[in-house]
C-alpha atoms as a PDB file:
ATOM      1  CA  MET A   1       0.140  -0.170  -0.117  1.00  0.00           C
ATOM      2  CA  GLY A   2       2.936   2.272   0.918  1.00  0.00           C
ATOM      3  CA  ALA A   3       4.400   1.828  -2.795  1.00  0.00           C
ATOM      4  CA  VAL A   4       1.008   2.671  -4.455  1.00  0.00           C
ATOM      5  CA  TRP A   5       1.024   5.750  -2.370  1.00  0.00           C
ATOM      6  CA  ARG A   6       4.196   6.815  -3.079  1.00  0.00           C
ATOM      7  CA  LEU A   7       3.304   6.383  -6.805  1.00  0.00           C
ATOM      8  CA  LEU A   8       0.165   8.716  -6.651  1.00  0.00           C
ATOM      9  CA  PRO A   9       1.186  12.015  -7.312  1.00  0.00           C
ATOM     10  CA  VAL A  10       2.984  11.155 -10.565  1.00  0.00           C
ATOM     11  CA  THR A  11       0.168   9.185 -11.533  1.00  0.00           C
ATOM     12  CA  THR A  12      -2.279  12.281 -10.382  1.00  0.00           C
ATOM     13  CA  LEU A  13      -0.386  14.700 -12.537  1.00  0.00           C
ATOM     14  CA  THR A  14      -0.174  12.476 -15.374  1.00  0.00           C
ATOM     15  CA  LEU A  15      -3.844  11.724 -15.340  1.00  0.00           C
ATOM     16  CA  ARG A  16      -4.801  15.393 -14.996  1.00  0.00           C
ATOM     17  CA  GLN A  17      -2.324  15.922 -18.327  1.00  0.00           C
ATOM     18  CA  PHE A  18      -4.229  13.498 -20.110  1.00  0.00           C
ATOM     19  CA  ALA A  19      -7.397  14.921 -19.023  1.00  0.00           C
ATOM     20  CA  GLY A  20      -6.123  18.515 -19.977  1.00  0.00           C
ATOM     21  CA  GLY A  21      -5.246  17.751 -23.465  1.00  0.00           C
ATOM     22  CA  ARG A  22      -7.043  14.900 -26.012  1.00  0.00           C
ATOM     23  CA  THR A  23      -5.940  11.813 -24.807  1.00  0.00           C
ATOM     24  CA  ALA A  24      -8.404  11.014 -22.452  1.00  0.00           C
ATOM     25  CA  ARG A  25     -11.178  11.836 -25.035  1.00  0.00           C
ATOM     26  CA  LEU A  26      -9.854  10.263 -27.800  1.00  0.00           C
ATOM     27  CA  VAL A  27      -8.677   6.838 -26.249  1.00  0.00           C
ATOM     28  CA  PHE A  28     -12.440   6.662 -25.326  1.00  0.00           C
ATOM     29  CA  LEU A  29     -13.792   7.695 -28.485  1.00  0.00           C
ATOM     30  CA  LEU A  30     -11.649   4.868 -30.102  1.00  0.00           C
ATOM     31  CA  SER A  31     -12.636   2.617 -27.926  1.00  0.00           C
ATOM     32  CA  LEU A  32     -16.307   3.107 -28.277  1.00  0.00           C
ATOM     33  CA  ILE A  33     -15.596   2.476 -32.696  1.00  0.00           C
ATOM     34  CA  PRO A  34     -16.607  -1.471 -32.640  1.00  0.00           C
ATOM     35  CA  ALA A  35     -19.618  -0.190 -31.331  1.00  0.00           C
ATOM     36  CA  LEU A  36     -20.443   0.971 -34.550  1.00  0.00           C
ATOM     37  CA  PHE A  37     -19.554  -1.850 -36.087  1.00  0.00           C
ATOM     38  CA  ALA A  38     -21.971  -4.076 -33.655  1.00  0.00           C
ATOM     39  CA  ALA A  39     -24.749  -1.386 -34.695  1.00  0.00           C
ATOM     40  CA  ILE A  40     -23.843  -1.605 -38.705  1.00  0.00           C
ATOM     41  CA  TYR A  41     -24.327  -5.913 -37.475  1.00  0.00           C
ATOM     42  CA  VAL A  42     -27.540  -5.454 -35.735  1.00  0.00           C
ATOM     43  CA  ALA A  43     -29.144  -3.209 -38.690  1.00  0.00           C
ATOM     44  CA  ARG A  44     -28.282  -5.378 -41.492  1.00  0.00           C
ATOM     45  CA  PRO A  45     -27.838  -8.837 -39.930  1.00  0.00           C
ATOM     46  CA  TRP A  46     -26.212 -11.503 -42.019  1.00  0.00           C
ATOM     47  CA  ASP A  47     -26.172 -15.218 -41.294  1.00  0.00           C
ATOM     48  CA  VAL A  48     -23.309 -14.864 -38.664  1.00  0.00           C
ATOM     49  CA  ALA A  49     -24.209 -15.269 -34.689  1.00  0.00           C
ATOM     50  CA  ALA A  50     -23.851 -12.575 -32.595  1.00  0.00           C
ATOM     51  CA  GLU A  51     -20.824 -14.540 -30.591  1.00  0.00           C
ATOM     52  CA  GLY A  52     -19.349 -14.858 -33.953  1.00  0.00           C
ATOM     53  CA  PHE A  53     -19.328 -11.668 -35.018  1.00  0.00           C
ATOM     54  CA  LEU A  54     -17.778 -10.348 -31.756  1.00  0.00           C
ATOM     55  CA  VAL A  55     -14.868 -12.899 -31.644  1.00  0.00           C
ATOM     56  CA  ASP A  56     -13.966 -12.143 -35.119  1.00  0.00           C
ATOM     57  CA  LEU A  57     -14.015  -8.428 -34.562  1.00  0.00           C
ATOM     58  CA  PHE A  58     -11.957  -8.898 -31.640  1.00  0.00           C
ATOM     59  CA  ARG A  59      -9.812 -10.889 -33.414  1.00  0.00           C
ATOM     60  CA  GLU A  60      -9.545  -9.107 -37.116  1.00  0.00           C
ATOM     61  CA  MET A  61      -9.582  -5.208 -35.741  1.00  0.00           C
ATOM     62  CA  ILE A  62      -9.717  -4.793 -31.764  1.00  0.00           C
ATOM     63  CA  VAL A  63      -6.382  -6.931 -31.053  1.00  0.00           C
ATOM     64  CA  PRO A  64      -4.033  -5.811 -34.679  1.00  0.00           C
ATOM     65  CA  THR A  65      -5.250  -2.059 -34.388  1.00  0.00           C
ATOM     66  CA  LEU A  66      -7.570  -0.553 -32.462  1.00  0.00           C
ATOM     67  CA  LEU A  67      -5.958  -1.669 -28.854  1.00  0.00           C
ATOM     68  CA  PRO A  68      -2.675  -0.745 -29.689  1.00  0.00           C
ATOM     69  CA  ILE A  69      -3.430   2.556 -31.126  1.00  0.00           C
ATOM     70  CA  VAL A  70      -5.330   3.212 -27.958  1.00  0.00           C
ATOM     71  CA  VAL A  71      -2.834   2.511 -25.692  1.00  0.00           C
ATOM     72  CA  LEU A  72      -0.384   3.992 -28.127  1.00  0.00           C
ATOM     73  CA  LEU A  73      -1.821   7.886 -27.353  1.00  0.00           C
ATOM     74  CA  PRO A  74      -1.396   7.954 -23.456  1.00  0.00           C
ATOM     75  CA  ALA A  75       1.802   5.728 -23.473  1.00  0.00           C
ATOM     76  CA  THR A  76       3.882   8.086 -25.847  1.00  0.00           C
ATOM     77  CA  ALA A  77       2.253  11.399 -24.575  1.00  0.00           C
ATOM     78  CA  ALA A  78       3.110  10.241 -20.922  1.00  0.00           C
ATOM     79  CA  PHE A  79       6.554  11.201 -20.816  1.00  0.00           C
ATOM     80  CA  GLY A  80       6.428  12.663 -24.816  1.00  0.00           C
ATOM     81  CA  ASP A  81       4.837  16.149 -23.617  1.00  0.00           C
ATOM     82  CA  GLU A  82       7.405  16.729 -21.200  1.00  0.00           C
ATOM     83  CA  LEU A  83      10.224  16.088 -23.644  1.00  0.00           C
ATOM     84  CA  GLU A  84       8.328  17.968 -26.584  1.00  0.00           C
ATOM     85  CA  ASP A  85       7.781  21.116 -23.796  1.00  0.00           C
ATOM     86  CA  GLY A  86      11.296  20.562 -22.364  1.00  0.00           C
ATOM     87  CA  THR A  87       9.279  20.340 -18.790  1.00  0.00           C
ATOM     88  CA  LEU A  88      11.069  16.823 -18.042  1.00  0.00           C
ATOM     89  CA  PRO A  89      14.317  18.607 -16.227  1.00  0.00           C
ATOM     90  CA  TYR A  90      11.694  19.832 -13.605  1.00  0.00           C
ATOM     91  CA  LEU A  91      10.541  16.397 -13.319  1.00  0.00           C
ATOM     92  CA  PHE A  92      13.679  15.418 -12.257  1.00  0.00           C
ATOM     93  CA  MET A  93      14.315  18.110  -9.819  1.00  0.00           C
ATOM     94  CA  LYS A  94      11.668  16.698  -7.735  1.00  0.00           C
ATOM     95  CA  PRO A  95      12.598  14.099  -4.970  1.00  0.00           C
ATOM     96  CA  VAL A  96      11.320  11.138  -7.214  1.00  0.00           C
ATOM     97  CA  THR A  97      13.396   8.338  -8.194  1.00  0.00           C
ATOM     98  CA  ARG A  98      13.537   7.467 -11.433  1.00  0.00           C
ATOM     99  CA  ALA A  99      11.637   3.990 -11.123  1.00  0.00           C
ATOM    100  CA  ARG A 100       8.860   6.017  -9.445  1.00  0.00           C
ATOM    101  CA  LEU A 101       8.593   8.039 -12.083  1.00  0.00           C
ATOM    102  CA  VAL A 102       8.306   5.006 -14.586  1.00  0.00           C
ATOM    103  CA  LEU A 103       5.800   3.716 -12.713  1.00  0.00           C
ATOM    104  CA  GLY A 104       3.750   6.223 -11.807  1.00  0.00           C
ATOM    105  CA  LYS A 105       3.397   7.397 -15.688  1.00  0.00           C
ATOM    106  CA  TYR A 106       2.914   3.738 -16.627  1.00  0.00           C
ATOM    107  CA  ALA A 107      -0.134   3.492 -14.009  1.00  0.00           C
ATOM    108  CA  ALA A 108      -1.908   6.639 -15.510  1.00  0.00           C
ATOM    109  CA  ILE A 109      -1.390   4.974 -18.700  1.00  0.00           C
ATOM    110  CA  LEU A 110      -3.178   1.674 -17.881  1.00  0.00           C
ATOM    111  CA  LEU A 111      -5.870   3.781 -15.634  1.00  0.00           C
ATOM    112  CA  VAL A 112      -6.667   5.641 -19.051  1.00  0.00           C
ATOM    113  CA  ALA A 113      -6.498   2.774 -21.335  1.00  0.00           C
ATOM    114  CA  VAL A 114      -7.925  -0.415 -19.858  1.00  0.00           C
ATOM    115  CA  PRO A 115     -10.995   1.362 -18.605  1.00  0.00           C
ATOM    116  CA  ALA A 116     -11.807   2.953 -21.888  1.00  0.00           C
ATOM    117  CA  LEU A 117     -11.456  -0.703 -23.768  1.00  0.00           C
ATOM    118  CA  ILE A 118     -13.688  -2.429 -21.102  1.00  0.00           C
ATOM    119  CA  VAL A 119     -16.444   0.205 -21.497  1.00  0.00           C
ATOM    120  CA  GLY A 120     -16.200   0.029 -25.652  1.00  0.00           C
ATOM    121  CA  LEU A 121     -16.055  -3.708 -25.044  1.00  0.00           C
ATOM    122  CA  ALA A 122     -19.276  -3.695 -22.989  1.00  0.00           C
ATOM    123  CA  VAL A 123     -20.881  -1.012 -25.099  1.00  0.00           C
ATOM    124  CA  THR A 124     -20.325  -3.521 -28.392  1.00  0.00           C
ATOM    125  CA  THR A 125     -21.400  -6.694 -26.537  1.00  0.00           C
ATOM    126  CA  PHE A 126     -24.204  -4.871 -25.649  1.00  0.00           C
ATOM    127  CA  VAL A 127     -25.143  -3.561 -29.232  1.00  0.00           C
ATOM    128  CA  ALA A 128     -24.419  -6.713 -30.832  1.00  0.00           C
ATOM    129  CA  SER A 129     -26.327  -8.738 -28.627  1.00  0.00           C
ATOM    130  CA  GLY A 130     -29.574  -6.635 -29.077  1.00  0.00           C
ATOM    131  CA  SER A 131     -29.912  -6.461 -25.270  1.00  0.00           C
ATOM    132  CA  SER A 132     -31.677  -9.952 -24.895  1.00  0.00           C
ATOM    133  CA  ALA A 133     -29.022 -12.229 -25.835  1.00  0.00           C
ATOM    134  CA  MET A 134     -26.319 -10.620 -23.844  1.00  0.00           C
ATOM    135  CA  PRO A 135     -26.295 -13.028 -20.801  1.00  0.00           C
ATOM    136  CA  GLU A 136     -25.539 -15.777 -23.483  1.00  0.00           C
ATOM    137  CA  LEU A 137     -22.010 -13.467 -24.432  1.00  0.00           C
ATOM    138  CA  TRP A 138     -20.798 -12.757 -20.887  1.00  0.00           C
ATOM    139  CA  PRO A 139     -18.074 -15.767 -21.723  1.00  0.00           C
ATOM    140  CA  THR A 140     -17.130 -13.960 -24.956  1.00  0.00           C
ATOM    141  CA  LEU A 141     -16.859 -10.122 -23.012  1.00  0.00           C
ATOM    142  CA  ARG A 142     -14.710 -12.056 -20.229  1.00  0.00           C
ATOM    143  CA  ALA A 143     -12.407 -13.644 -22.727  1.00  0.00           C
ATOM    144  CA  MET A 144     -12.388 -10.203 -24.674  1.00  0.00           C
ATOM    145  CA  ILE A 145     -11.850  -8.055 -21.463  1.00  0.00           C
ATOM    146  CA  GLY A 146      -9.300 -10.371 -19.931  1.00  0.00           C
ATOM    147  CA  ALA A 147      -7.172 -10.534 -23.198  1.00  0.00           C
ATOM    148  CA  ALA A 148      -7.210  -6.969 -23.782  1.00  0.00           C
ATOM    149  CA  ALA A 149      -5.872  -6.133 -20.343  1.00  0.00           C
ATOM    150  CA  VAL A 150      -3.011  -8.264 -20.563  1.00  0.00           C
ATOM    151  CA  GLU A 151      -2.040  -6.481 -23.862  1.00  0.00           C
ATOM    152  CA  THR A 152      -2.779  -3.067 -22.747  1.00  0.00           C
ATOM    153  CA  ILE A 153      -0.167  -4.293 -19.770  1.00  0.00           C
ATOM    154  CA  LEU A 154       2.379  -5.278 -22.340  1.00  0.00           C
ATOM    155  CA  LEU A 155       2.186  -2.435 -24.923  1.00  0.00           C
ATOM    156  CA  GLY A 156       1.598   0.532 -22.600  1.00  0.00           C
ATOM    157  CA  ALA A 157       4.995  -0.521 -21.169  1.00  0.00           C
ATOM    158  CA  VAL A 158       6.652  -1.073 -24.926  1.00  0.00           C
ATOM    159  CA  PHE A 159       4.970   2.110 -26.445  1.00  0.00           C
ATOM    160  CA  LEU A 160       6.759   4.270 -22.806  1.00  0.00           C
ATOM    161  CA  LEU A 161      10.191   2.700 -23.549  1.00  0.00           C
ATOM    162  CA  VAL A 162       9.865   3.682 -26.959  1.00  0.00           C
ATOM    163  CA  SER A 163       9.156   7.496 -26.242  1.00  0.00           C
ATOM    164  CA  LEU A 164      12.124   7.715 -24.174  1.00  0.00           C
ATOM    165  CA  PHE A 165      13.970   6.439 -27.129  1.00  0.00           C
ATOM    166  CA  ILE A 166      12.670   8.110 -30.457  1.00  0.00           C
ATOM    167  CA  PRO A 167      11.283  11.582 -30.581  1.00  0.00           C
ATOM    168  CA  ARG A 168       8.536  10.975 -32.734  1.00  0.00           C
ATOM    169  CA  ALA A 169       7.137   7.956 -30.893  1.00  0.00           C
ATOM    170  CA  LEU A 170       3.546   8.429 -31.977  1.00  0.00           C
ATOM    171  CA  LEU A 171       4.788   8.130 -35.652  1.00  0.00           C
ATOM    172  CA  ALA A 172       6.794   5.287 -35.167  1.00  0.00           C
ATOM    173  CA  GLY A 173       4.254   3.247 -32.928  1.00  0.00           C
ATOM    174  CA  MET A 174       1.400   3.796 -35.836  1.00  0.00           C
ATOM    175  CA  ILE A 175       4.099   2.506 -38.651  1.00  0.00           C
ATOM    176  CA  TYR A 176       4.505  -0.185 -36.334  1.00  0.00           C
ATOM    177  CA  ILE A 177       0.694  -0.997 -35.360  1.00  0.00           C
ATOM    178  CA  PHE A 178      -0.069  -1.077 -39.224  1.00  0.00           C
ATOM    179  CA  ALA A 179       2.950  -2.640 -40.508  1.00  0.00           C
ATOM    180  CA  TRP A 180       4.198  -4.749 -38.174  1.00  0.00           C
ATOM    181  CA  GLU A 181       0.679  -6.008 -36.505  1.00  0.00           C
ATOM    182  CA  SER A 182      -2.025  -5.537 -38.729  1.00  0.00           C
ATOM    183  CA  LEU A 183      -0.121  -6.594 -41.858  1.00  0.00           C
ATOM    184  CA  LEU A 184       2.792  -8.574 -41.824  1.00  0.00           C
ATOM    185  CA  GLY A 185       1.625 -10.231 -38.264  1.00  0.00           C
ATOM    186  CA  ARG A 186      -1.280 -11.601 -40.064  1.00  0.00           C
ATOM    187  CA  TYR A 187       0.645 -13.641 -43.223  1.00  0.00           C
ATOM    188  CA  LEU A 188       4.242 -14.108 -42.366  1.00  0.00           C
ATOM    189  CA  PRO A 189       4.793 -16.954 -39.490  1.00  0.00           C
ATOM    190  CA  GLY A 190       7.849 -15.745 -38.246  1.00  0.00           C
ATOM    191  CA  VAL A 191       6.482 -12.175 -37.732  1.00  0.00           C
ATOM    192  CA  ARG A 192       2.891 -13.670 -35.950  1.00  0.00           C
ATOM    193  CA  ALA A 193       4.879 -15.975 -33.536  1.00  0.00           C
ATOM    194  CA  ILE A 194       6.658 -12.743 -31.872  1.00  0.00           C
ATOM    195  CA  SER A 195       4.094 -10.355 -32.417  1.00  0.00           C
ATOM    196  CA  SER A 196       1.757  -9.129 -29.394  1.00  0.00           C
ATOM    197  CA  ARG A 197      -1.379  -9.890 -31.807  1.00  0.00           C
ATOM    198  CA  GLU A 198      -0.265 -13.348 -31.577  1.00  0.00           C
ATOM    199  CA  ALA A 199       0.160 -13.442 -27.608  1.00  0.00           C
ATOM    200  CA  THR A 200      -3.073 -11.756 -26.929  1.00  0.00           C
ATOM    201  CA  LEU A 201      -5.287 -14.476 -29.207  1.00  0.00           C
ATOM    202  CA  ARG A 202      -3.384 -16.881 -27.236  1.00  0.00           C
ATOM    203  CA  VAL A 203      -4.780 -15.108 -24.346  1.00  0.00           C
ATOM    204  CA  PHE A 204      -7.955 -14.510 -25.660  1.00  0.00           C
ATOM    205  CA  ASP A 205      -8.738 -18.307 -26.965  1.00  0.00           C
ATOM    206  CA  GLY A 206      -7.651 -19.939 -23.316  1.00  0.00           C
ATOM    207  CA  LEU A 207      -9.765 -17.902 -21.926  1.00  0.00           C
ATOM    208  CA  LEU A 208     -12.545 -18.954 -24.195  1.00  0.00           C
ATOM    209  CA  ALA A 209     -12.124 -22.426 -24.293  1.00  0.00           C
ATOM    210  CA  GLY A 210     -11.627 -22.568 -20.777  1.00  0.00           C
ATOM    211  CA  ASP A 211      -7.821 -23.604 -20.978  1.00  0.00           C
ATOM    212  CA  SER A 212      -6.516 -21.677 -18.067  1.00  0.00           C
ATOM    213  CA  GLU A 213      -3.228 -23.008 -18.819  1.00  0.00           C
ATOM    214  CA  LEU A 214      -2.770 -21.680 -22.071  1.00  0.00           C
ATOM    215  CA  ALA A 215      -4.289 -18.404 -21.134  1.00  0.00           C
ATOM    216  CA  MET A 216      -2.244 -18.130 -18.349  1.00  0.00           C
ATOM    217  CA  ARG A 217       1.193 -18.827 -20.012  1.00  0.00           C
ATOM    218  CA  SER A 218       0.681 -16.657 -22.684  1.00  0.00           C
ATOM    219  CA  ALA A 219      -0.210 -13.850 -20.188  1.00  0.00           C
ATOM    220  CA  VAL A 220       2.814 -14.327 -18.017  1.00  0.00           C
ATOM    221  CA  THR A 221       4.983 -14.369 -21.042  1.00  0.00           C
ATOM    222  CA  MET A 222       3.678 -10.526 -21.949  1.00  0.00           C
ATOM    223  CA  ILE A 223       3.749  -9.545 -18.293  1.00  0.00           C
ATOM    224  CA  VAL A 224       7.164 -10.278 -18.235  1.00  0.00           C
ATOM    225  CA  VAL A 225       8.253  -8.651 -21.312  1.00  0.00           C
ATOM    226  CA  ALA A 226       6.547  -5.136 -19.981  1.00  0.00           C
ATOM    227  CA  MET A 227       8.677  -5.749 -16.397  1.00  0.00           C
ATOM    228  CA  VAL A 228      12.020  -5.755 -18.785  1.00  0.00           C
ATOM    229  CA  CYS A 229      10.366  -2.477 -21.064  1.00  0.00           C
ATOM    230  CA  LEU A 230       9.717  -1.021 -17.636  1.00  0.00           C
ATOM    231  CA  VAL A 231      13.112  -1.522 -16.487  1.00  0.00           C
ATOM    232  CA  LEU A 232      14.659  -0.546 -19.307  1.00  0.00           C
ATOM    233  CA  ALA A 233      12.428   2.788 -19.165  1.00  0.00           C
ATOM    234  CA  THR A 234      14.046   3.120 -15.749  1.00  0.00           C
ATOM    235  CA  TRP A 235      17.767   3.204 -16.902  1.00  0.00           C
ATOM    236  CA  ARG A 236      17.095   5.305 -19.825  1.00  0.00           C
ATOM    237  CA  LEU A 237      15.592   7.994 -17.842  1.00  0.00           C
ATOM    238  CA  SER A 238      18.664   7.910 -15.491  1.00  0.00           C
ATOM    239  CA  ARG A 239      20.902   8.055 -18.888  1.00  0.00           C
ATOM    240  CA  MET A 240      18.972  10.991 -19.837  1.00  0.00           C
ATOM    241  CA  GLN A 241      19.606  13.174 -16.322  1.00  0.00           C
ATOM    242  CA  MET A 242      23.444  12.587 -17.496  1.00  0.00           C
ATOM    243  CA  ASP A 243      22.788  14.129 -21.081  1.00  0.00           C
END
């Protein structure tokens, strides 16, 4: 509990930064885009059950494209705004360790992205079900939320690290999402094997099928990679102090 309280000032400051700009609003608006596809599905249904529609939407659009963009926006803005405005040295003057800065920023990223994605997935499921079949879709919704949360944990750390190395991290992240995850990750086996999309879908498939071992193994791997990225981000921030 004490560690959480020590992170609170940095996290609160970053959340205000997100709320004061367009980041938080964009994240929530983007998370609701799948609900528009669900409304089209309900208005012009074809021979696909609601569960099949949601699974395909999650696998083909949300995981490889939409979710990474939702995470990319706050992750690159967390330190990116300070680097762009030249206010990062003022943070260094505070009696806060570099690890607390990184973890505080990371916590703010998760607090913005994860609730937005949960709301977006819940609204999408509700719309696609026509409200009457909602209880039947609870297992699908739970699997989507669980897999989305783990992917957010991974990509939040990855994009946070990238923002400390690359000045135009948002552009670099967009190129990565559309070239690596959305395009190459679909068709090239070598790329697919190491993409966040593939790892997330293993978590999703495991949760949906009740295979907790598959889901847990993939989730643990993703969380470990996220922890390594946070350690590297802390190291990079310490090096930037000496520049």
